[in-house]
Amino acid sequence: LNIKRYPPGDYRGVSAPNADALYSLAWLDVG
């Protein structure tokens, strides 16, 4: 997932996103 904008102040999709960072992330099942 490539998030192309800074998270808004009220974003609660993750525990505590940095307000000044762009994120690319993945949840991986390596089981």
PDB file of all heavy atoms in Angstrom:
ATOM      1  N   LEU A   1       0.863  -1.169   0.000  1.00  0.00           N
ATOM      2  CA  LEU A   1       0.000   0.000   0.000  1.00  0.00           C
ATOM      3  C   LEU A   1       0.903   1.223   0.000  1.00  0.00           C
ATOM      4  O   LEU A   1       1.769   1.358   0.868  1.00  0.00           O
ATOM      5  CB  LEU A   1      -0.883  -0.004   1.262  1.00  0.00           C
ATOM      6  CG  LEU A   1      -1.660   1.268   1.572  1.00  0.00           C
ATOM      7  CD1 LEU A   1      -2.660   1.576   0.458  1.00  0.00           C
ATOM      8  CD2 LEU A   1      -2.379   1.117   2.894  1.00  0.00           C
ATOM      9  N   ASN A   2       0.749   2.080  -0.975  1.00  0.00           N
ATOM     10  CA  ASN A   2       1.493   3.333  -1.041  1.00  0.00           C
ATOM     11  C   ASN A   2       0.534   4.473  -0.758  1.00  0.00           C
ATOM     12  O   ASN A   2      -0.325   4.787  -1.584  1.00  0.00           O
ATOM     13  CB  ASN A   2       2.139   3.516  -2.417  1.00  0.00           C
ATOM     14  CG  ASN A   2       3.193   2.473  -2.683  1.00  0.00           C
ATOM     15  OD1 ASN A   2       4.143   2.353  -1.938  1.00  0.00           O
ATOM     16  ND2 ASN A   2       3.004   1.699  -3.735  1.00  0.00           N
ATOM     17  N   ILE A   3       0.662   5.072   0.406  1.00  0.00           N
ATOM     18  CA  ILE A   3      -0.203   6.192   0.783  1.00  0.00           C
ATOM     19  C   ILE A   3       0.465   7.459   0.259  1.00  0.00           C
ATOM     20  O   ILE A   3       1.584   7.779   0.648  1.00  0.00           O
ATOM     21  CB  ILE A   3      -0.430   6.232   2.304  1.00  0.00           C
ATOM     22  CG1 ILE A   3      -1.080   4.912   2.740  1.00  0.00           C
ATOM     23  CG2 ILE A   3      -1.280   7.428   2.691  1.00  0.00           C
ATOM     24  CD1 ILE A   3      -1.267   4.758   4.225  1.00  0.00           C
ATOM     25  N   LYS A   4      -0.228   8.170  -0.618  1.00  0.00           N
ATOM     26  CA  LYS A   4       0.381   9.263  -1.372  1.00  0.00           C
ATOM     27  C   LYS A   4       0.164  10.647  -0.782  1.00  0.00           C
ATOM     28  O   LYS A   4       0.492  11.641  -1.402  1.00  0.00           O
ATOM     29  CB  LYS A   4      -0.141   9.221  -2.806  1.00  0.00           C
ATOM     30  CG  LYS A   4       0.236   7.928  -3.488  1.00  0.00           C
ATOM     31  CD  LYS A   4      -0.361   7.801  -4.855  1.00  0.00           C
ATOM     32  CE  LYS A   4       0.076   6.461  -5.425  1.00  0.00           C
ATOM     33  NZ  LYS A   4      -0.627   6.046  -6.560  1.00  0.00           N
ATOM     34  N   ARG A   5      -0.398  10.705   0.415  1.00  0.00           N
ATOM     35  CA  ARG A   5      -0.585  12.012   1.068  1.00  0.00           C
ATOM     36  C   ARG A   5      -0.330  11.851   2.553  1.00  0.00           C
ATOM     37  O   ARG A   5      -0.380  10.753   3.096  1.00  0.00           O
ATOM     38  CB  ARG A   5      -1.984  12.550   0.813  1.00  0.00           C
ATOM     39  CG  ARG A   5      -3.085  11.675   1.383  1.00  0.00           C
ATOM     40  CD  ARG A   5      -4.469  12.261   1.114  1.00  0.00           C
ATOM     41  NE  ARG A   5      -5.501  11.375   1.586  1.00  0.00           N
ATOM     42  CZ  ARG A   5      -5.942  11.316   2.839  1.00  0.00           C
ATOM     43  NH1 ARG A   5      -5.465  12.121   3.755  1.00  0.00           N
ATOM     44  NH2 ARG A   5      -6.888  10.488   3.180  1.00  0.00           N
ATOM     45  N   TYR A   6      -0.036  12.967   3.206  1.00  0.00           N
ATOM     46  CA  TYR A   6       0.161  12.921   4.655  1.00  0.00           C
ATOM     47  C   TYR A   6      -1.165  12.590   5.327  1.00  0.00           C
ATOM     48  O   TYR A   6      -2.226  13.024   4.862  1.00  0.00           O
ATOM     49  CB  TYR A   6       0.670  14.267   5.177  1.00  0.00           C
ATOM     50  CG  TYR A   6       2.053  14.611   4.688  1.00  0.00           C
ATOM     51  CD1 TYR A   6       2.287  15.767   3.969  1.00  0.00           C
ATOM     52  CD2 TYR A   6       3.131  13.779   4.956  1.00  0.00           C
ATOM     53  CE1 TYR A   6       3.564  16.087   3.523  1.00  0.00           C
ATOM     54  CE2 TYR A   6       4.401  14.086   4.509  1.00  0.00           C
ATOM     55  CZ  TYR A   6       4.615  15.241   3.797  1.00  0.00           C
ATOM     56  OH  TYR A   6       5.866  15.545   3.358  1.00  0.00           O
ATOM     57  N   PRO A   7      -1.135  11.825   6.415  1.00  0.00           N
ATOM     58  CA  PRO A   7      -2.407  11.496   7.083  1.00  0.00           C
ATOM     59  C   PRO A   7      -3.019  12.751   7.716  1.00  0.00           C
ATOM     60  O   PRO A   7      -2.304  13.578   8.285  1.00  0.00           O
ATOM     61  CB  PRO A   7      -1.999  10.480   8.148  1.00  0.00           C
ATOM     62  CG  PRO A   7      -0.539  10.640   8.330  1.00  0.00           C
ATOM     63  CD  PRO A   7       0.016  11.219   7.071  1.00  0.00           C
ATOM     64  N   PRO A   8      -4.341  12.902   7.610  1.00  0.00           N
ATOM     65  CA  PRO A   8      -4.981  14.043   8.274  1.00  0.00           C
ATOM     66  C   PRO A   8      -4.901  13.882   9.795  1.00  0.00           C
ATOM     67  O   PRO A   8      -4.682  12.779  10.309  1.00  0.00           O
ATOM     68  CB  PRO A   8      -6.437  13.984   7.780  1.00  0.00           C
ATOM     69  CG  PRO A   8      -6.639  12.576   7.354  1.00  0.00           C
ATOM     70  CD  PRO A   8      -5.298  12.052   6.911  1.00  0.00           C
ATOM     71  N   GLY A   9      -5.074  14.978  10.503  1.00  0.00           N
ATOM     72  CA  GLY A   9      -4.965  14.962  11.960  1.00  0.00           C
ATOM     73  C   GLY A   9      -5.915  14.008  12.650  1.00  0.00           C
ATOM     74  O   GLY A   9      -5.618  13.499  13.729  1.00  0.00           O
ATOM     75  N   ASP A  10      -7.062  13.720  12.048  1.00  0.00           N
ATOM     76  CA  ASP A  10      -8.048  12.839  12.680  1.00  0.00           C
ATOM     77  C   ASP A  10      -7.956  11.394  12.191  1.00  0.00           C
ATOM     78  O   ASP A  10      -8.794  10.564  12.530  1.00  0.00           O
ATOM     79  CB  ASP A  10      -9.459  13.380  12.454  1.00  0.00           C
ATOM     80  CG  ASP A  10      -9.851  13.433  10.987  1.00  0.00           C
ATOM     81  OD1 ASP A  10      -8.970  13.258  10.107  1.00  0.00           O
ATOM     82  OD2 ASP A  10     -11.041  13.680  10.700  1.00  0.00           O
ATOM     83  N   TYR A  11      -6.941  11.053  11.410  1.00  0.00           N
ATOM     84  CA  TYR A  11      -6.806   9.691  10.902  1.00  0.00           C
ATOM     85  C   TYR A  11      -6.485   8.736  12.035  1.00  0.00           C
ATOM     86  O   TYR A  11      -5.566   8.956  12.814  1.00  0.00           O
ATOM     87  CB  TYR A  11      -5.710   9.631   9.840  1.00  0.00           C
ATOM     88  CG  TYR A  11      -5.493   8.245   9.279  1.00  0.00           C
ATOM     89  CD1 TYR A  11      -6.467   7.637   8.490  1.00  0.00           C
ATOM     90  CD2 TYR A  11      -4.339   7.539   9.540  1.00  0.00           C
ATOM     91  CE1 TYR A  11      -6.278   6.370   7.981  1.00  0.00           C
ATOM     92  CE2 TYR A  11      -4.137   6.267   9.029  1.00  0.00           C
ATOM     93  CZ  TYR A  11      -5.118   5.694   8.250  1.00  0.00           C
ATOM     94  OH  TYR A  11      -4.941   4.429   7.744  1.00  0.00           O
ATOM     95  N   ARG A  12      -7.245   7.659  12.143  1.00  0.00           N
ATOM     96  CA  ARG A  12      -7.042   6.680  13.217  1.00  0.00           C
ATOM     97  C   ARG A  12      -6.917   5.253  12.677  1.00  0.00           C
ATOM     98  O   ARG A  12      -7.180   4.295  13.371  1.00  0.00           O
ATOM     99  CB  ARG A  12      -8.206   6.736  14.225  1.00  0.00           C
ATOM    100  CG  ARG A  12      -8.355   8.073  14.923  1.00  0.00           C
ATOM    101  CD  ARG A  12      -7.167   8.316  15.859  1.00  0.00           C
ATOM    102  NE  ARG A  12      -7.290   9.590  16.528  1.00  0.00           N
ATOM    103  CZ  ARG A  12      -6.588  10.668  16.240  1.00  0.00           C
ATOM    104  NH1 ARG A  12      -5.705  10.658  15.272  1.00  0.00           N
ATOM    105  NH2 ARG A  12      -6.757  11.790  16.900  1.00  0.00           N
ATOM    106  N   GLY A  13      -6.493   5.116  11.409  1.00  0.00           N
ATOM    107  CA  GLY A  13      -6.362   3.801  10.804  1.00  0.00           C
ATOM    108  C   GLY A  13      -5.217   2.987  11.375  1.00  0.00           C
ATOM    109  O   GLY A  13      -5.209   1.777  11.270  1.00  0.00           O
ATOM    110  N   VAL A  14      -4.232   3.629  11.954  1.00  0.00           N
ATOM    111  CA  VAL A  14      -3.135   2.949  12.639  1.00  0.00           C
ATOM    112  C   VAL A  14      -3.031   3.551  14.030  1.00  0.00           C
ATOM    113  O   VAL A  14      -3.590   4.607  14.316  1.00  0.00           O
ATOM    114  CB  VAL A  14      -1.786   3.075  11.896  1.00  0.00           C
ATOM    115  CG1 VAL A  14      -1.855   2.411  10.542  1.00  0.00           C
ATOM    116  CG2 VAL A  14      -1.354   4.508  11.765  1.00  0.00           C
ATOM    117  N   SER A  15      -2.272   2.892  14.868  1.00  0.00           N
ATOM    118  CA  SER A  15      -2.193   3.331  16.262  1.00  0.00           C
ATOM    119  C   SER A  15      -1.741   4.779  16.400  1.00  0.00           C
ATOM    120  O   SER A  15      -2.355   5.554  17.094  1.00  0.00           O
ATOM    121  CB  SER A  15      -1.240   2.424  17.040  1.00  0.00           C
ATOM    122  OG  SER A  15      -1.720   1.108  17.016  1.00  0.00           O
ATOM    123  N   ALA A  16      -0.652   5.152  15.749  1.00  0.00           N
ATOM    124  CA  ALA A  16      -0.139   6.514  15.882  1.00  0.00           C
ATOM    125  C   ALA A  16       0.721   6.868  14.675  1.00  0.00           C
ATOM    126  O   ALA A  16       1.936   6.750  14.718  1.00  0.00           O
ATOM    127  CB  ALA A  16       0.673   6.651  17.163  1.00  0.00           C
ATOM    128  N   PRO A  17       0.102   7.299  13.567  1.00  0.00           N
ATOM    129  CA  PRO A  17       0.901   7.632  12.392  1.00  0.00           C
ATOM    130  C   PRO A  17       1.679   8.926  12.617  1.00  0.00           C
ATOM    131  O   PRO A  17       1.252   9.791  13.376  1.00  0.00           O
ATOM    132  CB  PRO A  17      -0.149   7.815  11.300  1.00  0.00           C
ATOM    133  CG  PRO A  17      -1.360   8.280  12.035  1.00  0.00           C
ATOM    134  CD  PRO A  17      -1.321   7.549  13.361  1.00  0.00           C
ATOM    135  N   ASN A  18       2.820   9.039  11.961  1.00  0.00           N
ATOM    136  CA  ASN A  18       3.540  10.306  11.969  1.00  0.00           C
ATOM    137  C   ASN A  18       2.825  11.246  11.014  1.00  0.00           C
ATOM    138  O   ASN A  18       2.516  10.861   9.879  1.00  0.00           O
ATOM    139  CB  ASN A  18       4.993  10.115  11.508  1.00  0.00           C
ATOM    140  CG  ASN A  18       5.813   9.354  12.508  1.00  0.00           C
ATOM    141  OD1 ASN A  18       5.593   9.446  13.707  1.00  0.00           O
ATOM    142  ND2 ASN A  18       6.764   8.587  12.012  1.00  0.00           N
ATOM    143  N   ALA A  19       2.585  12.461  11.428  1.00  0.00           N
ATOM    144  CA  ALA A  19       1.864  13.421  10.602  1.00  0.00           C
ATOM    145  C   ALA A  19       2.729  13.964   9.470  1.00  0.00           C
ATOM    146  O   ALA A  19       2.212  14.579   8.552  1.00  0.00           O
ATOM    147  CB  ALA A  19       1.345  14.565  11.470  1.00  0.00           C
ATOM    148  N   ASP A  20       4.035  13.759   9.534  1.00  0.00           N
ATOM    149  CA  ASP A  20       4.931  14.318   8.524  1.00  0.00           C
ATOM    150  C   ASP A  20       5.644  13.240   7.707  1.00  0.00           C
ATOM    151  O   ASP A  20       6.717  13.463   7.164  1.00  0.00           O
ATOM    152  CB  ASP A  20       5.955  15.222   9.192  1.00  0.00           C
ATOM    153  CG  ASP A  20       6.836  14.477  10.186  1.00  0.00           C
ATOM    154  OD1 ASP A  20       6.523  13.327  10.512  1.00  0.00           O
ATOM    155  OD2 ASP A  20       7.836  15.063  10.631  1.00  0.00           O
ATOM    156  N   ALA A  21       5.054  12.050   7.607  1.00  0.00           N
ATOM    157  CA  ALA A  21       5.688  10.958   6.871  1.00  0.00           C
ATOM    158  C   ALA A  21       4.707  10.346   5.880  1.00  0.00           C
ATOM    159  O   ALA A  21       3.527  10.196   6.180  1.00  0.00           O
ATOM    160  CB  ALA A  21       6.172   9.883   7.842  1.00  0.00           C
ATOM    161  N   LEU A  22       5.222  10.024   4.705  1.00  0.00           N
ATOM    162  CA  LEU A  22       4.445   9.267   3.737  1.00  0.00           C
ATOM    163  C   LEU A  22       4.751   7.799   3.968  1.00  0.00           C
ATOM    164  O   LEU A  22       5.890   7.428   4.242  1.00  0.00           O
ATOM    165  CB  LEU A  22       4.821   9.673   2.316  1.00  0.00           C
ATOM    166  CG  LEU A  22       4.492  11.122   1.950  1.00  0.00           C
ATOM    167  CD1 LEU A  22       5.029  11.443   0.567  1.00  0.00           C
ATOM    168  CD2 LEU A  22       2.995  11.363   2.019  1.00  0.00           C
ATOM    169  N   TYR A  23       3.749   6.957   3.855  1.00  0.00           N
ATOM    170  CA  TYR A  23       3.899   5.545   4.169  1.00  0.00           C
ATOM    171  C   TYR A  23       3.719   4.661   2.944  1.00  0.00           C
ATOM    172  O   TYR A  23       2.857   4.918   2.110  1.00  0.00           O
ATOM    173  CB  TYR A  23       2.853   5.107   5.207  1.00  0.00           C
ATOM    174  CG  TYR A  23       3.090   5.627   6.587  1.00  0.00           C
ATOM    175  CD1 TYR A  23       2.566   6.841   6.993  1.00  0.00           C
ATOM    176  CD2 TYR A  23       3.841   4.900   7.490  1.00  0.00           C
ATOM    177  CE1 TYR A  23       2.787   7.326   8.272  1.00  0.00           C
ATOM    178  CE2 TYR A  23       4.073   5.369   8.776  1.00  0.00           C
ATOM    179  CZ  TYR A  23       3.538   6.582   9.152  1.00  0.00           C
ATOM    180  OH  TYR A  23       3.763   7.048  10.420  1.00  0.00           O
ATOM    181  N   SER A  24       4.512   3.630   2.880  1.00  0.00           N
ATOM    182  CA  SER A  24       4.284   2.474   2.024  1.00  0.00           C
ATOM    183  C   SER A  24       4.399   1.297   2.969  1.00  0.00           C
ATOM    184  O   SER A  24       5.372   1.198   3.717  1.00  0.00           O
ATOM    185  CB  SER A  24       5.336   2.369   0.923  1.00  0.00           C
ATOM    186  OG  SER A  24       5.186   3.411  -0.002  1.00  0.00           O
ATOM    187  N   LEU A  25       3.427   0.429   2.969  1.00  0.00           N
ATOM    188  CA  LEU A  25       3.454  -0.668   3.930  1.00  0.00           C
ATOM    189  C   LEU A  25       2.739  -1.885   3.393  1.00  0.00           C
ATOM    190  O   LEU A  25       2.006  -1.808   2.408  1.00  0.00           O
ATOM    191  CB  LEU A  25       2.834  -0.237   5.258  1.00  0.00           C
ATOM    192  CG  LEU A  25       1.386   0.252   5.215  1.00  0.00           C
ATOM    193  CD1 LEU A  25       0.466  -0.818   5.720  1.00  0.00           C
ATOM    194  CD2 LEU A  25       1.257   1.498   6.042  1.00  0.00           C
ATOM    195  N   ALA A  26       2.998  -3.006   4.052  1.00  0.00           N
ATOM    196  CA  ALA A  26       2.337  -4.264   3.697  1.00  0.00           C
ATOM    197  C   ALA A  26       2.214  -5.116   4.945  1.00  0.00           C
ATOM    198  O   ALA A  26       3.112  -5.131   5.783  1.00  0.00           O
ATOM    199  CB  ALA A  26       3.138  -5.009   2.639  1.00  0.00           C
ATOM    200  N   TRP A  27       1.097  -5.800   5.075  1.00  0.00           N
ATOM    201  CA  TRP A  27       0.925  -6.833   6.095  1.00  0.00           C
ATOM    202  C   TRP A  27       1.199  -8.139   5.383  1.00  0.00           C
ATOM    203  O   TRP A  27       0.545  -8.471   4.399  1.00  0.00           O
ATOM    204  CB  TRP A  27      -0.488  -6.799   6.665  1.00  0.00           C
ATOM    205  CG  TRP A  27      -0.710  -5.596   7.504  1.00  0.00           C
ATOM    206  CD1 TRP A  27      -1.251  -4.407   7.110  1.00  0.00           C
ATOM    207  CD2 TRP A  27      -0.375  -5.448   8.883  1.00  0.00           C
ATOM    208  NE1 TRP A  27      -1.259  -3.530   8.171  1.00  0.00           N
ATOM    209  CE2 TRP A  27      -0.731  -4.148   9.267  1.00  0.00           C
ATOM    210  CE3 TRP A  27       0.191  -6.293   9.825  1.00  0.00           C
ATOM    211  CZ2 TRP A  27      -0.542  -3.668  10.557  1.00  0.00           C
ATOM    212  CZ3 TRP A  27       0.388  -5.823  11.108  1.00  0.00           C
ATOM    213  CH2 TRP A  27       0.017  -4.518  11.461  1.00  0.00           C
ATOM    214  N   LEU A  28       2.196  -8.871   5.858  1.00  0.00           N
ATOM    215  CA  LEU A  28       2.662 -10.064   5.157  1.00  0.00           C
ATOM    216  C   LEU A  28       2.368 -11.330   5.951  1.00  0.00           C
ATOM    217  O   LEU A  28       2.665 -11.393   7.138  1.00  0.00           O
ATOM    218  CB  LEU A  28       4.171  -9.951   4.911  1.00  0.00           C
ATOM    219  CG  LEU A  28       4.624  -8.689   4.174  1.00  0.00           C
ATOM    220  CD1 LEU A  28       6.138  -8.603   4.139  1.00  0.00           C
ATOM    221  CD2 LEU A  28       4.035  -8.647   2.781  1.00  0.00           C
ATOM    222  N   ASP A  29       1.810 -12.314   5.269  1.00  0.00           N
ATOM    223  CA  ASP A  29       1.574 -13.624   5.879  1.00  0.00           C
ATOM    224  C   ASP A  29       2.684 -14.554   5.399  1.00  0.00           C
ATOM    225  O   ASP A  29       2.659 -15.039   4.274  1.00  0.00           O
ATOM    226  CB  ASP A  29       0.205 -14.156   5.475  1.00  0.00           C
ATOM    227  CG  ASP A  29      -0.127 -15.490   6.130  1.00  0.00           C
ATOM    228  OD1 ASP A  29       0.774 -16.090   6.764  1.00  0.00           O
ATOM    229  OD2 ASP A  29      -1.274 -15.925   6.014  1.00  0.00           O
ATOM    230  N   VAL A  30       3.682 -14.755   6.256  1.00  0.00           N
ATOM    231  CA  VAL A  30       4.814 -15.609   5.913  1.00  0.00           C
ATOM    232  C   VAL A  30       4.722 -16.959   6.630  1.00  0.00           C
ATOM    233  O   VAL A  30       5.703 -17.671   6.744  1.00  0.00           O
ATOM    234  CB  VAL A  30       6.165 -14.906   6.220  1.00  0.00           C
ATOM    235  CG1 VAL A  30       6.363 -13.718   5.307  1.00  0.00           C
ATOM    236  CG2 VAL A  30       6.241 -14.490   7.680  1.00  0.00           C
ATOM    237  N   GLY A  31       3.522 -17.307   7.084  1.00  0.00           N
ATOM    238  CA  GLY A  31       3.330 -18.550   7.822  1.00  0.00           C
ATOM    239  C   GLY A  31       3.464 -19.789   6.967  1.00  0.00           C
ATOM    240  O   GLY A  31       4.071 -20.774   7.363  1.00  0.00           O
TER     241      GLY A  31
END
